[in-house]
């Protein structure tokens, strides 16, 4: 029998979040782990996501809408 169930890994123990049905206590099973969480992507992971046109538009908005910082004021 093969089935897929969601589980939570906590303190070194996998805890099923779905029913295991008729699986008997002390049954031996084979576990395959597939992480479902999306890893955090740093800024470098965003490179290439925007089209050139979108990147140009974003640069234009930043240049026109945000205040410029004068290094001499710091």
N, C-alpha and C. Protein backbone atom coordinates (compact mmCIF):
# COMPACT_ATOMS: atom_id res chain seq x y z
N UNK A 1 0.85 -1.18 0.00
CA UNK A 1 0.00 0.00 0.00
C UNK A 1 0.89 1.24 0.00
N UNK A 2 0.56 2.22 -0.82
CA UNK A 2 1.28 3.49 -0.87
C UNK A 2 0.28 4.62 -0.73
N UNK A 3 0.64 5.60 0.11
CA UNK A 3 -0.19 6.79 0.24
C UNK A 3 0.70 7.96 0.60
N UNK A 4 0.24 9.14 0.34
CA UNK A 4 0.97 10.35 0.68
C UNK A 4 0.18 11.09 1.75
N UNK A 5 0.87 11.44 2.83
CA UNK A 5 0.24 12.21 3.91
C UNK A 5 1.11 13.40 4.24
N UNK A 6 0.48 14.46 4.69
CA UNK A 6 1.23 15.62 5.15
C UNK A 6 1.72 15.33 6.56
N UNK A 7 2.87 15.91 6.91
CA UNK A 7 3.42 15.71 8.25
C UNK A 7 4.17 16.96 8.68
N UNK A 8 4.34 17.08 9.98
CA UNK A 8 5.09 18.18 10.57
C UNK A 8 6.33 17.59 11.23
N UNK A 9 7.49 18.15 10.94
CA UNK A 9 8.73 17.71 11.57
C UNK A 9 9.00 18.64 12.74
N UNK A 10 9.06 18.10 13.94
CA UNK A 10 9.21 18.91 15.14
C UNK A 10 10.00 18.14 16.18
N UNK A 11 11.06 18.75 16.67
CA UNK A 11 11.90 18.13 17.70
C UNK A 11 12.38 16.73 17.31
N UNK A 12 12.75 16.57 16.04
CA UNK A 12 13.31 15.31 15.58
C UNK A 12 12.28 14.23 15.29
N UNK A 13 10.99 14.56 15.30
CA UNK A 13 9.94 13.57 15.09
C UNK A 13 8.99 14.04 13.98
N UNK A 14 8.66 13.13 13.07
CA UNK A 14 7.64 13.42 12.06
C UNK A 14 6.27 13.12 12.65
N UNK A 15 5.37 14.12 12.59
CA UNK A 15 4.02 13.95 13.13
C UNK A 15 3.04 14.06 11.97
N UNK A 16 2.33 12.97 11.65
CA UNK A 16 1.37 13.02 10.55
C UNK A 16 0.26 14.03 10.82
N UNK A 17 -0.10 14.80 9.80
CA UNK A 17 -1.20 15.75 9.90
C UNK A 17 -2.48 15.15 9.31
N UNK A 18 -2.32 14.07 8.56
CA UNK A 18 -3.46 13.37 7.96
C UNK A 18 -3.56 11.99 8.59
N UNK A 19 -4.73 11.42 8.54
CA UNK A 19 -4.95 10.09 9.09
C UNK A 19 -4.12 9.05 8.34
N UNK A 20 -3.59 8.10 9.08
CA UNK A 20 -2.86 7.00 8.46
C UNK A 20 -3.78 5.79 8.25
N UNK A 21 -5.06 6.01 8.45
CA UNK A 21 -6.06 4.97 8.17
C UNK A 21 -5.89 3.75 9.03
N UNK A 22 -5.78 2.60 8.39
CA UNK A 22 -5.75 1.33 9.10
C UNK A 22 -4.33 0.83 9.38
N UNK A 23 -3.34 1.71 9.36
CA UNK A 23 -1.96 1.30 9.62
C UNK A 23 -1.84 0.85 11.08
N UNK A 24 -1.39 -0.37 11.28
CA UNK A 24 -1.31 -0.94 12.63
C UNK A 24 -0.13 -0.35 13.39
N UNK A 25 -0.27 -0.25 14.71
CA UNK A 25 0.84 0.19 15.56
C UNK A 25 2.05 -0.70 15.32
N UNK A 26 3.22 -0.10 15.38
CA UNK A 26 4.51 -0.78 15.23
C UNK A 26 4.74 -1.32 13.81
N UNK A 27 3.95 -0.83 12.83
CA UNK A 27 4.19 -1.22 11.44
C UNK A 27 5.48 -0.58 10.95
N UNK A 28 6.22 -1.30 10.16
CA UNK A 28 7.41 -0.74 9.54
C UNK A 28 6.97 -0.10 8.22
N UNK A 29 7.43 1.11 7.99
CA UNK A 29 7.08 1.84 6.77
C UNK A 29 8.33 2.45 6.16
N UNK A 30 8.25 2.82 4.91
CA UNK A 30 9.33 3.53 4.25
C UNK A 30 8.87 4.97 4.07
N UNK A 31 9.71 5.93 4.44
CA UNK A 31 9.33 7.35 4.40
C UNK A 31 10.20 8.07 3.37
N UNK A 32 9.55 8.80 2.49
CA UNK A 32 10.24 9.69 1.55
C UNK A 32 9.87 11.10 1.94
N UNK A 33 10.86 11.95 2.17
CA UNK A 33 10.60 13.31 2.64
C UNK A 33 10.75 14.28 1.48
N UNK A 34 9.73 15.11 1.28
CA UNK A 34 9.74 16.16 0.27
C UNK A 34 9.30 17.44 0.96
N UNK A 35 10.20 18.40 1.06
CA UNK A 35 9.87 19.66 1.71
C UNK A 35 8.87 20.41 0.86
N UNK A 36 7.82 20.94 1.51
CA UNK A 36 6.80 21.70 0.77
C UNK A 36 6.93 23.19 1.01
N UNK A 37 7.85 23.59 1.85
CA UNK A 37 8.06 25.01 2.11
C UNK A 37 8.96 25.60 1.04
N UNK A 38 8.64 26.79 0.64
CA UNK A 38 9.45 27.49 -0.33
C UNK A 38 10.57 28.21 0.40
N UNK A 39 11.81 27.92 0.05
CA UNK A 39 12.90 28.61 0.73
C UNK A 39 12.88 30.10 0.46
N UNK A 40 13.32 30.87 1.43
CA UNK A 40 13.39 32.32 1.25
C UNK A 40 14.40 32.63 0.14
N UNK A 41 14.03 33.53 -0.72
CA UNK A 41 14.91 33.92 -1.82
C UNK A 41 15.49 35.28 -1.49
N UNK A 42 16.79 35.36 -1.46
CA UNK A 42 17.44 36.63 -1.23
C UNK A 42 17.33 37.54 -2.44
N UNK A 43 17.82 38.72 -2.32
CA UNK A 43 17.74 39.70 -3.41
C UNK A 43 18.35 39.15 -4.70
N UNK A 44 19.47 38.44 -4.57
CA UNK A 44 20.14 37.91 -5.76
C UNK A 44 19.24 36.92 -6.51
N UNK A 45 18.32 36.25 -5.79
CA UNK A 45 17.43 35.32 -6.44
C UNK A 45 16.37 35.99 -7.28
N UNK A 46 16.25 37.30 -7.18
CA UNK A 46 15.25 38.05 -7.95
C UNK A 46 15.77 38.49 -9.30
N UNK A 47 17.07 38.37 -9.53
CA UNK A 47 17.66 38.82 -10.78
C UNK A 47 17.08 38.01 -11.94
N UNK A 48 16.63 38.71 -12.95
CA UNK A 48 16.11 38.05 -14.13
C UNK A 48 14.62 37.75 -14.09
N UNK A 49 13.96 38.07 -12.98
CA UNK A 49 12.53 37.80 -12.86
C UNK A 49 11.72 38.80 -13.67
N UNK A 50 12.14 40.05 -13.64
CA UNK A 50 11.42 41.10 -14.37
C UNK A 50 11.89 41.17 -15.83
N UNK A 51 10.97 41.51 -16.68
CA UNK A 51 11.37 41.77 -18.07
C UNK A 51 12.16 43.07 -18.09
N UNK A 52 12.88 43.33 -19.16
CA UNK A 52 13.63 44.58 -19.28
C UNK A 52 12.69 45.78 -19.21
N UNK A 53 11.52 45.65 -19.82
CA UNK A 53 10.54 46.73 -19.81
C UNK A 53 10.05 47.00 -18.39
N UNK A 54 9.74 45.94 -17.63
CA UNK A 54 9.29 46.11 -16.24
C UNK A 54 10.39 46.70 -15.37
N UNK A 55 11.62 46.27 -15.58
CA UNK A 55 12.75 46.78 -14.79
C UNK A 55 12.96 48.27 -15.09
N UNK A 56 12.85 48.66 -16.35
CA UNK A 56 12.98 50.07 -16.72
C UNK A 56 11.87 50.91 -16.07
N UNK A 57 10.65 50.39 -16.07
CA UNK A 57 9.53 51.10 -15.47
C UNK A 57 9.74 51.24 -13.96
N UNK A 58 10.22 50.19 -13.32
CA UNK A 58 10.48 50.25 -11.88
C UNK A 58 11.57 51.28 -11.58
N UNK A 59 12.62 51.30 -12.37
CA UNK A 59 13.69 52.28 -12.18
C UNK A 59 13.17 53.70 -12.36
N UNK A 60 12.30 53.91 -13.35
CA UNK A 60 11.72 55.23 -13.57
C UNK A 60 10.87 55.66 -12.38
N UNK A 61 10.06 54.77 -11.86
CA UNK A 61 9.21 55.10 -10.71
C UNK A 61 10.07 55.44 -9.50
N UNK A 62 11.09 54.65 -9.25
CA UNK A 62 11.98 54.92 -8.11
C UNK A 62 12.65 56.27 -8.26
N UNK A 63 13.12 56.58 -9.46
CA UNK A 63 13.82 57.84 -9.70
C UNK A 63 12.90 59.04 -9.53
N UNK A 64 11.63 58.90 -9.89
CA UNK A 64 10.73 60.05 -9.84
C UNK A 64 9.94 60.15 -8.53
N UNK A 65 9.70 59.05 -7.86
CA UNK A 65 8.80 59.05 -6.71
C UNK A 65 9.51 59.08 -5.35
N UNK A 66 10.77 58.68 -5.30
CA UNK A 66 11.45 58.60 -4.01
C UNK A 66 12.49 59.71 -3.86
N UNK A 67 12.61 60.19 -2.64
CA UNK A 67 13.53 61.28 -2.33
C UNK A 67 14.97 60.81 -2.45
N UNK A 68 15.79 61.64 -3.03
CA UNK A 68 17.21 61.33 -3.13
C UNK A 68 17.89 61.68 -1.81
N UNK A 69 18.84 60.87 -1.38
CA UNK A 69 19.57 61.09 -0.15
C UNK A 69 20.88 61.76 -0.47
N UNK A 70 21.18 62.85 0.23
CA UNK A 70 22.43 63.57 0.05
C UNK A 70 23.45 62.97 1.01
N UNK A 71 24.52 62.36 0.47
CA UNK A 71 25.55 61.76 1.31
C UNK A 71 26.17 62.75 2.28
N UNK A 72 26.18 64.02 1.91
CA UNK A 72 26.77 65.04 2.76
C UNK A 72 25.95 65.33 4.02
N UNK A 73 24.69 64.92 4.03
CA UNK A 73 23.84 65.14 5.20
C UNK A 73 24.07 64.10 6.30
N UNK A 74 24.74 63.04 5.98
CA UNK A 74 24.95 61.98 6.97
C UNK A 74 26.20 62.28 7.70
